[in-house]
Amino acid sequence: MTAQAGICAEPNLHAYYLMFDILPGCQPAVRSALAEVPSLWRELAQSYPDAAFSGLVAVGDRAWDTLYPRARPAGLVPFPAQQQGKRTAPETPFDLFFQLRADRLDVAYIAVQRVMALLAGQAELKYERQGFRYLDCRDLTGFVDGTENPQGEHRAEVALLAEGPFAGGSHVHVQHYRHNLVKWQRMSVTSQEDVYGRTKAGNIEYESEQKPSTAHTKRTSLKDEAGNSMEILRQSMPWGSASEQGLVFISCCNTPLHFTRMLDNMFQADPAGHFDHLTLFTQAETGSAFFAPAQEWLERQGE
């Protein structure tokens, strides 16, 4: 099975993110429209070879059964919402998620217009956001984002199901974060580095014994019962305007369990009361669970 290129794509300069809800009774038409998506991705990549375009469409957990009733990915479950006082990660389900990335903004926008035309009269656009590369793939907090990402062929090993009817597919979790950069920038660089557990300028991770128990890298670097790293492939990008900034966080993985454990460890305090202090400076405003099927699954309409 052939994975959608956007799942494992290397970082781009620009992105658009779109989320839709399917209009009542339009599931058959949307299923047919999604069957055209793989050819659309190929057409855009071939028409603009200098843009390094990649596309990704994923189906939400609540919409899956009405679109593809014959089979469902075993791990496709609702987004694992979190609430700890004012620190929250809400669940906001959507039916469809599109990630459109390119090294040319105009090509990414052409992809947006093609998707909008494809779903016209069949689905309602509920969310859109433009993402961009900031410096050397840094978050707007100034720290490199995705340092722990798998590299090379290991990207596919982490992100894609390897076998079964959904081989080539990926569990996708998406969150829209809004940063409090005023509060963040009041802190010294050393304090910021302690929040991440990594140096800011050089992107050098602290030694394990030097990391605060509240450091983001400590709270999200997890191992399973067998001692294996619980990895995800992050495809996140910053967003921003003059008055507000944040991150569109995207996790792709062959299982939803790794993301769920990471999010839980960020928000839930351990017995000593430690939690991820990065959550004091950014607020998740959306949280959605999707599955991105292989190209053949889309083209066959789940048959």
Protein backbone atom coordinates (compact mmCIF):
# COMPACT_ATOMS: atom_id res chain seq x y z
CA MET A 1 0.00 0.00 0.00
CA THR A 2 1.21 3.49 -0.85
CA ALA A 3 1.24 6.05 1.94
CA GLN A 4 0.15 9.62 1.26
CA ALA A 5 3.34 11.63 0.79
CA GLY A 6 2.37 14.23 3.39
CA ILE A 7 2.67 11.77 6.26
CA CYS A 8 6.45 11.29 6.09
CA ALA A 9 7.40 14.39 4.08
CA GLU A 10 10.47 16.36 5.08
CA PRO A 11 9.86 19.92 6.40
CA ASN A 12 8.57 22.57 3.99
CA LEU A 13 8.49 26.36 4.03
CA HIS A 14 4.70 26.79 3.90
CA ALA A 15 1.53 24.95 4.84
CA TYR A 16 -2.22 25.28 4.91
CA TYR A 17 -4.37 23.28 7.28
CA LEU A 18 -8.07 22.77 6.62
CA MET A 19 -10.73 20.96 8.64
CA PHE A 20 -14.22 20.19 7.36
CA ASP A 21 -17.48 18.73 8.58
CA ILE A 22 -19.43 16.70 6.03
CA LEU A 23 -22.87 18.07 5.22
CA PRO A 24 -25.87 15.83 6.00
CA GLY A 25 -26.41 13.11 3.44
CA CYS A 26 -23.21 13.91 1.52
CA GLN A 27 -21.11 10.95 2.66
CA PRO A 28 -21.32 9.09 -0.70
CA ALA A 29 -20.30 12.22 -2.61
CA VAL A 30 -17.43 12.91 -0.21
CA ARG A 31 -16.25 9.30 -0.47
CA SER A 32 -16.13 9.70 -4.24
CA ALA A 33 -14.32 13.03 -3.90
CA LEU A 34 -11.69 11.54 -1.61
CA ALA A 35 -11.06 8.83 -4.22
CA GLU A 36 -9.74 11.63 -6.48
CA VAL A 37 -7.33 12.98 -3.85
CA PRO A 38 -4.32 10.75 -4.61
CA SER A 39 -4.37 11.82 -8.28
CA LEU A 40 -4.71 15.45 -7.18
CA TRP A 41 -1.63 15.12 -4.96
CA ARG A 42 0.32 13.58 -7.86
CA GLU A 43 -0.84 16.26 -10.30
CA LEU A 44 0.23 19.11 -8.03
CA ALA A 45 3.62 17.53 -7.27
CA GLN A 46 4.30 16.95 -10.98
CA SER A 47 3.05 20.36 -12.13
CA TYR A 48 5.27 22.29 -9.69
CA PRO A 49 8.39 20.17 -9.16
CA ASP A 50 10.28 23.06 -7.55
CA ALA A 51 7.67 23.36 -4.80
CA ALA A 52 8.19 19.96 -3.13
CA PHE A 53 4.41 19.76 -2.65
CA SER A 54 2.91 17.04 -0.47
CA GLY A 55 -0.69 16.48 0.51
CA LEU A 56 -2.44 14.59 3.27
CA VAL A 57 -6.11 13.93 3.95
CA ALA A 58 -7.27 12.17 7.10
CA VAL A 59 -10.74 11.13 8.29
CA GLY A 60 -12.01 11.93 11.78
CA ASP A 61 -12.89 9.26 14.32
CA ARG A 62 -16.58 10.20 14.37
CA ALA A 63 -16.91 10.40 10.59
CA TRP A 64 -15.10 7.20 9.67
CA ASP A 65 -17.98 4.72 9.97
CA THR A 66 -20.35 6.74 7.80
CA LEU A 67 -17.70 7.11 5.07
CA TYR A 68 -16.14 3.65 5.21
CA PRO A 69 -18.57 1.31 7.03
CA ARG A 70 -16.92 -1.94 5.92
CA ALA A 71 -13.81 -1.64 8.11
CA ARG A 72 -12.37 0.65 10.76
CA PRO A 73 -8.78 1.06 12.03
CA ALA A 74 -8.67 -0.67 15.40
CA GLY A 75 -7.03 2.24 17.21
CA LEU A 76 -9.17 5.05 15.82
CA VAL A 77 -10.75 6.51 18.96
CA PRO A 78 -11.76 10.01 20.11
CA PHE A 79 -9.10 12.56 20.96
CA PRO A 80 -7.82 12.01 24.55
CA ALA A 81 -8.90 15.33 26.09
CA GLN A 82 -7.13 16.65 29.19
CA GLN A 83 -8.20 19.07 31.91
CA GLN A 84 -6.09 20.10 34.88
CA GLY A 85 -7.37 23.40 36.24
CA LYS A 86 -6.70 26.10 33.67
CA ARG A 87 -4.42 23.79 31.70
CA THR A 88 -6.60 22.06 29.13
CA ALA A 89 -6.34 20.07 25.91
CA PRO A 90 -9.93 19.90 24.63
CA GLU A 91 -11.48 17.49 22.16
CA THR A 92 -12.90 19.23 19.09
CA PRO A 93 -13.86 16.59 16.54
CA PHE A 94 -13.85 17.33 12.81
CA ASP A 95 -14.72 15.02 9.92
CA LEU A 96 -11.82 15.72 7.56
CA PHE A 97 -8.32 17.14 7.94
CA PHE A 98 -6.14 18.36 5.07
CA GLN A 99 -2.46 19.21 5.35
CA LEU A 100 -1.16 21.00 2.23
CA ARG A 101 2.57 21.78 2.27
CA ALA A 102 5.01 23.23 -0.24
CA ASP A 103 8.13 25.34 -0.55
CA ARG A 104 6.09 27.85 -2.55
CA LEU A 105 3.20 29.64 -0.88
CA ASP A 106 1.36 30.08 -4.17
CA VAL A 107 1.40 26.33 -4.82
CA ALA A 108 0.11 25.59 -1.32
CA TYR A 109 -2.70 28.07 -1.98
CA ILE A 110 -3.49 26.46 -5.34
CA ALA A 111 -3.88 23.19 -3.43
CA VAL A 112 -6.30 24.91 -1.03
CA GLN A 113 -8.45 26.10 -3.91
CA ARG A 114 -8.45 22.65 -5.52
CA VAL A 115 -9.58 21.04 -2.27
CA MET A 116 -12.28 23.66 -1.77
CA ALA A 117 -13.58 23.00 -5.30
CA LEU A 118 -13.46 19.23 -4.76
CA LEU A 119 -15.66 19.43 -1.65
CA ALA A 120 -17.93 22.30 -2.73
CA GLY A 121 -21.50 21.67 -1.61
CA GLN A 122 -20.46 18.50 0.22
CA ALA A 123 -18.55 19.68 3.29
CA GLU A 124 -18.34 22.87 5.35
CA LEU A 125 -14.96 24.43 6.12
CA LYS A 126 -14.72 24.77 9.92
CA TYR A 127 -11.03 25.61 10.45
CA GLU A 128 -8.21 27.00 8.35
CA ARG A 129 -4.72 28.06 9.30
CA GLN A 130 -1.58 28.98 7.41
CA GLY A 131 1.68 27.62 8.79
CA PHE A 132 5.22 28.66 7.98
CA ARG A 133 8.79 27.66 8.71
CA TYR A 134 10.33 29.92 11.34
CA LEU A 135 14.12 30.26 11.12
CA ASP A 136 15.73 26.79 11.23
CA CYS A 137 12.49 24.89 11.98
CA ARG A 138 11.95 26.61 15.34
CA ASP A 139 8.79 27.18 17.29
CA LEU A 140 7.94 30.81 17.98
CA THR A 141 9.22 30.30 21.52
CA GLY A 142 12.65 30.27 19.85
CA PHE A 143 13.40 26.56 20.34
CA VAL A 144 13.93 24.03 17.56
CA ASP A 145 10.75 21.99 17.06
CA GLY A 146 10.83 18.28 16.32
CA THR A 147 14.40 17.63 17.45
CA GLU A 148 13.48 14.08 18.45
CA ASN A 149 11.83 13.28 15.11
CA PRO A 150 12.83 10.00 13.45
CA GLN A 151 15.07 10.43 10.43
CA GLY A 152 15.38 8.73 7.04
CA GLU A 153 13.63 5.38 6.63
CA HIS A 154 12.81 5.35 10.32
CA ARG A 155 10.20 8.05 9.68
CA ALA A 156 8.01 5.54 7.87
CA GLU A 157 8.64 2.87 10.50
CA VAL A 158 7.28 5.20 13.19
CA ALA A 159 4.47 6.85 11.25
CA LEU A 160 2.95 4.07 9.12
CA LEU A 161 1.12 0.84 9.81
CA ALA A 162 3.25 -1.90 8.28
CA GLU A 163 0.68 -4.62 7.69
CA GLY A 164 -2.98 -5.49 7.63
CA PRO A 165 -5.84 -3.85 5.70
CA PHE A 166 -4.72 -0.37 6.79
CA ALA A 167 -1.04 -0.75 5.90
CA GLY A 168 0.41 2.54 4.68
CA GLY A 169 -1.99 4.50 6.85
CA SER A 170 -1.27 6.62 9.90
CA HIS A 171 -2.99 7.77 13.07
CA VAL A 172 -2.99 11.58 13.02
CA HIS A 173 -3.62 13.87 16.00
CA VAL A 174 -3.95 17.61 15.44
CA GLN A 175 -3.98 20.46 17.99
CA HIS A 176 -4.12 24.21 17.50
CA TYR A 177 -2.00 25.85 20.21
CA ARG A 178 -2.02 29.54 21.09
CA HIS A 179 1.16 30.77 22.82
CA ASN A 180 1.42 33.40 25.53
CA LEU A 181 4.63 34.89 24.20
CA VAL A 182 4.40 37.98 26.40
CA LYS A 183 4.57 35.76 29.47
CA TRP A 184 7.23 33.56 27.86
CA GLN A 185 9.51 36.42 26.90
CA ARG A 186 9.49 37.80 30.44
CA MET A 187 11.59 34.81 31.50
CA SER A 188 15.35 34.58 31.26
CA VAL A 189 16.84 32.35 28.58
CA THR A 190 18.06 29.97 31.29
CA SER A 191 14.54 29.62 32.68
CA GLN A 192 13.19 29.00 29.19
CA GLU A 193 15.83 26.35 28.64
CA ASP A 194 14.82 24.64 31.87
CA VAL A 195 11.22 24.48 30.62
CA TYR A 196 12.38 22.63 27.51
CA GLY A 197 15.34 20.74 28.97
CA ARG A 198 17.41 21.92 26.02
CA THR A 199 19.61 24.90 25.18
CA LYS A 200 17.99 27.60 23.07
CA ALA A 201 20.75 28.73 20.71
CA GLY A 202 22.64 25.47 20.25
CA ASN A 203 19.68 23.05 20.60
CA ILE A 204 21.71 20.80 22.92
CA GLU A 205 19.63 18.57 25.14
CA TYR A 206 20.42 18.56 28.87
CA GLU A 207 21.97 15.44 30.33
CA SER A 208 19.24 13.30 31.88
CA GLU A 209 20.31 13.97 35.45
CA GLN A 210 20.31 17.73 34.80
CA LYS A 211 16.77 17.90 33.45
CA PRO A 212 14.10 19.29 35.74
CA SER A 213 11.25 16.82 36.28
CA THR A 214 8.99 19.44 34.69
CA ALA A 215 11.02 19.75 31.45
CA HIS A 216 9.14 19.20 28.20
CA THR A 217 11.77 16.79 26.88
CA LYS A 218 11.56 14.72 30.06
CA ARG A 219 7.76 14.58 30.13
CA THR A 220 7.49 13.56 26.45
CA SER A 221 10.46 11.17 26.11
CA LEU A 222 8.75 7.94 27.11
CA LYS A 223 9.46 4.24 26.90
CA ASP A 224 7.10 1.28 26.82
CA GLU A 225 7.15 -1.72 29.13
CA ALA A 226 9.85 -3.36 26.98
CA GLY A 227 12.08 -0.30 27.18
CA ASN A 228 11.47 0.84 23.60
CA SER A 229 11.11 4.56 22.86
CA MET A 230 7.51 5.63 22.25
CA GLU A 231 8.14 7.74 19.16
CA ILE A 232 5.90 9.89 16.99
CA LEU A 233 6.59 11.79 13.77
CA ARG A 234 5.83 15.47 14.33
CA GLN A 235 4.73 17.51 11.30
CA SER A 236 4.04 20.71 13.24
CA MET A 237 4.48 24.30 12.01
CA PRO A 238 4.11 27.74 13.63
CA TRP A 239 1.30 30.14 12.79
CA GLY A 240 1.04 33.80 13.65
CA SER A 241 -0.18 37.31 13.04
CA ALA A 242 0.81 40.65 14.51
CA SER A 243 -1.28 40.04 17.62
CA GLU A 244 -1.38 36.27 18.17
CA GLN A 245 0.91 33.31 17.62
CA GLY A 246 1.07 29.59 18.17
CA LEU A 247 1.68 26.15 16.75
CA VAL A 248 -0.33 23.70 14.69
CA PHE A 249 0.81 20.47 16.34
CA ILE A 250 0.53 17.32 14.22
CA SER A 251 1.47 13.81 15.32
CA CYS A 252 1.65 10.89 12.86
CA CYS A 253 2.16 7.39 14.24
CA ASN A 254 1.40 3.74 13.58
CA THR A 255 -0.46 3.66 16.91
CA PRO A 256 -2.45 6.28 18.80
CA LEU A 257 -1.01 5.10 22.11
CA HIS A 258 2.28 7.02 21.89
CA PHE A 259 0.59 10.39 21.44
CA THR A 260 -1.97 9.59 24.14
CA ARG A 261 0.76 8.72 26.64
CA MET A 262 2.74 11.86 25.80
CA LEU A 263 -0.26 14.15 26.17
CA ASP A 264 -1.22 12.48 29.44
CA ASN A 265 2.32 12.91 30.77
CA MET A 266 2.32 16.59 29.81
CA PHE A 267 -0.88 17.43 31.67
CA GLN A 268 -1.20 14.87 34.48
CA ALA A 269 1.05 15.43 37.47
CA ASP A 270 3.23 12.61 38.75
CA PRO A 271 3.13 11.63 42.47
CA ALA A 272 5.58 14.45 43.24
CA GLY A 273 3.30 16.99 41.53
CA HIS A 274 5.46 17.46 38.42
CA PHE A 275 3.88 18.19 35.03
CA ASP A 276 5.11 19.70 31.78
CA HIS A 277 5.71 23.40 32.49
CA LEU A 278 5.49 24.23 28.79
CA THR A 279 1.71 23.92 29.26
CA LEU A 280 1.87 27.06 31.41
CA PHE A 281 2.82 29.12 28.36
CA THR A 282 0.63 27.71 25.60
CA GLN A 283 -3.03 26.75 25.38
CA ALA A 284 -4.46 24.01 23.19
CA GLU A 285 -7.67 25.29 21.59
CA THR A 286 -8.50 22.26 19.44
CA GLY A 287 -7.81 18.54 19.59
CA SER A 288 -8.86 16.05 16.92
CA ALA A 289 -8.14 12.41 16.10
CA PHE A 290 -7.95 11.20 12.50
CA PHE A 291 -6.72 8.32 10.37
CA ALA A 292 -4.94 8.98 7.07
CA PRO A 293 -5.53 5.96 4.81
CA ALA A 294 -3.21 4.74 2.10
CA GLN A 295 -3.77 6.04 -1.42
CA GLU A 296 -5.24 2.73 -2.60
CA TRP A 297 -7.79 2.76 0.23
CA LEU A 298 -8.99 6.17 -0.86
CA GLU A 299 -9.07 5.25 -4.54
CA ARG A 300 -11.05 2.04 -3.86
CA GLN A 301 -13.39 3.98 -1.55
CA GLY A 302 -12.77 1.50 1.24
CA GLU A 303 -13.93 -1.49 -0.80
